[in-house]
Amino acid sequence: MSLKGAKLLEPTWYSVEIDFVPKMEATDQEIGGLNDFASKAFSEENRVEVRQIRWLGRPKEHAVFASTVAKLATKEQVSKLL
């Protein structure tokens, strides 16, 4: 199937779920989302390129750990993590 005039607007990124993320260490207290340190640490520790990382849903208020979704650059990086 072809879509006349369709264009790819940005590169494809691949999602992976990350469980047991320490909520207190990874949360930016001002915005409630993940802080830049969490993304950078995960990227460096696992040698992957993280485009975006976000909470998977809203973490429970008193939870110690929560799950995130990270968007990675390649399928190979996702396979490496799994």
N, C-alpha and C. Protein backbone atom coordinates (compact mmCIF):
# COMPACT_ATOMS: atom_id res chain seq x y z
N MET A 1 0.84 -1.17 0.00
CA MET A 1 0.00 0.00 0.00
C MET A 1 0.89 1.23 0.00
N SER A 2 0.56 2.20 -0.82
CA SER A 2 1.33 3.45 -0.80
C SER A 2 0.39 4.61 -0.53
N LEU A 3 0.91 5.56 0.15
CA LEU A 3 0.15 6.77 0.48
C LEU A 3 0.80 7.93 -0.26
N LYS A 4 0.14 8.37 -1.29
CA LYS A 4 0.69 9.43 -2.13
C LYS A 4 0.99 10.68 -1.29
N GLY A 5 2.22 11.15 -1.37
CA GLY A 5 2.61 12.36 -0.67
C GLY A 5 2.98 12.17 0.79
N ALA A 6 2.90 10.93 1.31
CA ALA A 6 3.24 10.69 2.72
C ALA A 6 4.74 10.83 2.92
N LYS A 7 5.12 11.38 4.07
CA LYS A 7 6.53 11.58 4.39
C LYS A 7 6.80 11.12 5.81
N LEU A 8 8.00 10.61 6.03
CA LEU A 8 8.44 10.26 7.37
C LEU A 8 8.93 11.56 8.02
N LEU A 9 8.30 11.94 9.12
CA LEU A 9 8.63 13.22 9.75
C LEU A 9 9.81 13.13 10.70
N GLU A 10 10.02 11.98 11.28
CA GLU A 10 11.15 11.81 12.19
C GLU A 10 11.56 10.34 12.19
N PRO A 11 12.76 10.05 12.66
CA PRO A 11 13.20 8.66 12.67
C PRO A 11 12.33 7.81 13.60
N THR A 12 12.32 6.52 13.31
CA THR A 12 11.59 5.58 14.16
C THR A 12 12.39 5.30 15.41
N TRP A 13 11.71 5.27 16.55
CA TRP A 13 12.33 4.92 17.82
C TRP A 13 11.59 3.73 18.38
N TYR A 14 12.24 2.93 19.20
CA TYR A 14 11.70 1.67 19.67
C TYR A 14 11.52 1.69 21.19
N SER A 15 10.34 1.30 21.66
CA SER A 15 10.00 1.39 23.08
C SER A 15 10.38 0.13 23.83
N VAL A 16 10.78 0.32 25.08
CA VAL A 16 11.06 -0.79 25.99
C VAL A 16 10.59 -0.37 27.38
N GLU A 17 9.97 -1.32 28.09
CA GLU A 17 9.52 -1.05 29.45
C GLU A 17 10.65 -1.35 30.42
N ILE A 18 10.81 -0.47 31.39
CA ILE A 18 11.84 -0.64 32.42
C ILE A 18 11.13 -0.66 33.77
N ASP A 19 11.25 -1.76 34.48
CA ASP A 19 10.59 -1.92 35.78
C ASP A 19 11.56 -1.68 36.93
N PHE A 20 11.02 -1.45 38.10
CA PHE A 20 11.78 -1.29 39.35
C PHE A 20 12.73 -0.10 39.32
N VAL A 21 12.26 1.02 38.77
CA VAL A 21 13.03 2.26 38.77
C VAL A 21 12.80 2.93 40.13
N PRO A 22 13.87 3.27 40.86
CA PRO A 22 13.70 3.93 42.17
C PRO A 22 13.02 5.29 42.00
N LYS A 23 11.81 5.39 42.48
CA LYS A 23 10.97 6.56 42.23
C LYS A 23 11.58 7.85 42.77
N MET A 24 12.04 7.85 44.01
CA MET A 24 12.57 9.08 44.61
C MET A 24 13.80 9.60 43.87
N GLU A 25 14.70 8.71 43.47
CA GLU A 25 15.93 9.12 42.79
C GLU A 25 15.67 9.62 41.37
N ALA A 26 14.65 9.08 40.72
CA ALA A 26 14.42 9.37 39.31
C ALA A 26 13.43 10.49 39.04
N THR A 27 12.71 10.95 40.07
CA THR A 27 11.66 11.94 39.86
C THR A 27 12.18 13.37 39.94
N ASP A 28 11.79 14.17 38.96
CA ASP A 28 12.02 15.60 39.01
C ASP A 28 10.88 16.17 39.86
N GLN A 29 11.19 16.66 41.04
CA GLN A 29 10.17 17.09 41.99
C GLN A 29 9.32 18.26 41.48
N GLU A 30 9.87 19.08 40.61
CA GLU A 30 9.12 20.23 40.09
C GLU A 30 8.04 19.84 39.11
N ILE A 31 8.35 18.87 38.23
CA ILE A 31 7.38 18.51 37.18
C ILE A 31 6.72 17.16 37.42
N GLY A 32 7.28 16.34 38.31
CA GLY A 32 6.71 15.04 38.60
C GLY A 32 7.11 13.95 37.61
N GLY A 33 7.78 14.34 36.53
CA GLY A 33 8.26 13.37 35.55
C GLY A 33 9.65 12.88 35.91
N LEU A 34 10.24 12.14 35.02
CA LEU A 34 11.60 11.64 35.26
C LEU A 34 12.60 12.77 35.06
N ASN A 35 13.65 12.76 35.86
CA ASN A 35 14.67 13.79 35.73
C ASN A 35 15.68 13.41 34.65
N ASP A 36 16.48 14.37 34.23
CA ASP A 36 17.48 14.14 33.19
C ASP A 36 18.54 13.14 33.64
N PHE A 37 18.85 13.13 34.93
CA PHE A 37 19.84 12.20 35.45
C PHE A 37 19.42 10.76 35.20
N ALA A 38 18.13 10.44 35.37
CA ALA A 38 17.63 9.08 35.19
C ALA A 38 17.86 8.62 33.75
N SER A 39 17.55 9.47 32.80
CA SER A 39 17.73 9.14 31.39
C SER A 39 19.20 8.95 31.06
N LYS A 40 20.01 9.88 31.53
CA LYS A 40 21.45 9.83 31.24
C LYS A 40 22.09 8.60 31.90
N ALA A 41 21.73 8.32 33.13
CA ALA A 41 22.30 7.17 33.84
C ALA A 41 21.92 5.87 33.15
N PHE A 42 20.66 5.72 32.77
CA PHE A 42 20.21 4.50 32.09
C PHE A 42 20.94 4.35 30.76
N SER A 43 21.06 5.43 30.02
CA SER A 43 21.74 5.42 28.73
C SER A 43 23.20 5.00 28.85
N GLU A 44 23.92 5.61 29.78
CA GLU A 44 25.34 5.30 29.96
C GLU A 44 25.56 3.90 30.52
N GLU A 45 24.76 3.51 31.49
CA GLU A 45 24.91 2.21 32.13
C GLU A 45 24.67 1.06 31.15
N ASN A 46 23.75 1.25 30.22
CA ASN A 46 23.38 0.18 29.29
C ASN A 46 23.91 0.38 27.88
N ARG A 47 24.64 1.47 27.67
CA ARG A 47 25.22 1.81 26.37
C ARG A 47 24.18 1.80 25.26
N VAL A 48 23.11 2.56 25.49
CA VAL A 48 22.05 2.73 24.51
C VAL A 48 21.75 4.21 24.36
N GLU A 49 21.13 4.57 23.25
CA GLU A 49 20.74 5.96 23.01
C GLU A 49 19.27 6.12 23.37
N VAL A 50 19.01 6.87 24.43
CA VAL A 50 17.64 7.10 24.89
C VAL A 50 17.15 8.43 24.32
N ARG A 51 16.07 8.38 23.56
CA ARG A 51 15.48 9.62 23.02
C ARG A 51 14.55 10.24 24.03
N GLN A 52 13.75 9.40 24.67
CA GLN A 52 12.76 9.88 25.64
C GLN A 52 12.54 8.78 26.67
N ILE A 53 12.27 9.20 27.89
CA ILE A 53 11.91 8.26 28.95
C ILE A 53 10.81 8.91 29.77
N ARG A 54 9.79 8.12 30.11
CA ARG A 54 8.66 8.66 30.86
C ARG A 54 8.11 7.57 31.77
N TRP A 55 7.34 8.01 32.76
CA TRP A 55 6.68 7.05 33.64
C TRP A 55 5.64 6.27 32.85
N LEU A 56 5.48 5.00 33.18
CA LEU A 56 4.42 4.19 32.61
C LEU A 56 3.21 4.36 33.53
N GLY A 57 2.32 5.25 33.14
CA GLY A 57 1.21 5.61 34.01
C GLY A 57 1.69 6.58 35.08
N ARG A 58 0.90 6.74 36.11
CA ARG A 58 1.25 7.63 37.21
C ARG A 58 1.71 6.78 38.39
N PRO A 59 2.95 6.96 38.84
CA PRO A 59 3.42 6.16 39.98
C PRO A 59 2.56 6.40 41.22
N LYS A 60 2.34 5.34 41.98
CA LYS A 60 1.58 5.47 43.22
C LYS A 60 2.35 6.36 44.19
N GLU A 61 1.61 7.13 44.95
CA GLU A 61 2.21 8.14 45.82
C GLU A 61 3.25 7.57 46.78
N HIS A 62 2.98 6.45 47.40
CA HIS A 62 3.89 5.90 48.40
C HIS A 62 4.76 4.76 47.87
N ALA A 63 4.78 4.58 46.56
CA ALA A 63 5.58 3.51 45.96
C ALA A 63 7.07 3.83 46.04
N VAL A 64 7.87 2.80 46.24
CA VAL A 64 9.32 2.96 46.25
C VAL A 64 9.86 2.84 44.83
N PHE A 65 9.26 1.94 44.05
CA PHE A 65 9.68 1.71 42.67
C PHE A 65 8.51 1.97 41.73
N ALA A 66 8.82 2.26 40.47
CA ALA A 66 7.79 2.45 39.44
C ALA A 66 8.36 1.97 38.11
N SER A 67 7.49 1.88 37.12
CA SER A 67 7.90 1.44 35.78
C SER A 67 7.96 2.64 34.84
N THR A 68 8.85 2.55 33.86
CA THR A 68 9.00 3.60 32.86
C THR A 68 8.96 2.98 31.47
N VAL A 69 8.84 3.84 30.47
CA VAL A 69 8.97 3.45 29.07
C VAL A 69 10.07 4.31 28.48
N ALA A 70 11.06 3.67 27.88
CA ALA A 70 12.14 4.41 27.22
C ALA A 70 12.05 4.16 25.73
N LYS A 71 12.28 5.20 24.95
CA LYS A 71 12.34 5.07 23.50
C LYS A 71 13.81 5.06 23.11
N LEU A 72 14.22 3.97 22.44
CA LEU A 72 15.62 3.78 22.06
C LEU A 72 15.79 3.93 20.55
N ALA A 73 17.03 4.09 20.13
CA ALA A 73 17.34 4.40 18.74
C ALA A 73 17.17 3.22 17.78
N THR A 74 17.48 1.99 18.21
CA THR A 74 17.45 0.85 17.29
C THR A 74 16.79 -0.37 17.93
N LYS A 75 16.32 -1.27 17.06
CA LYS A 75 15.77 -2.55 17.53
C LYS A 75 16.86 -3.37 18.22
N GLU A 76 18.08 -3.25 17.73
CA GLU A 76 19.20 -3.99 18.32
C GLU A 76 19.44 -3.59 19.76
N GLN A 77 19.29 -2.29 20.07
CA GLN A 77 19.46 -1.84 21.44
C GLN A 77 18.37 -2.43 22.34
N VAL A 78 17.15 -2.47 21.85
CA VAL A 78 16.06 -3.08 22.62
C VAL A 78 16.35 -4.57 22.85
N SER A 79 16.76 -5.28 21.80
CA SER A 79 17.08 -6.71 21.91
C SER A 79 18.20 -6.95 22.90
N LYS A 80 19.20 -6.08 22.88
CA LYS A 80 20.33 -6.19 23.81
C LYS A 80 19.85 -6.11 25.26
N LEU A 81 18.92 -5.20 25.52
CA LEU A 81 18.40 -5.04 26.89
C LEU A 81 17.55 -6.23 27.31
N LEU A 82 16.80 -6.79 26.37
CA LEU A 82 15.91 -7.91 26.71
C LEU A 82 16.69 -9.18 26.83
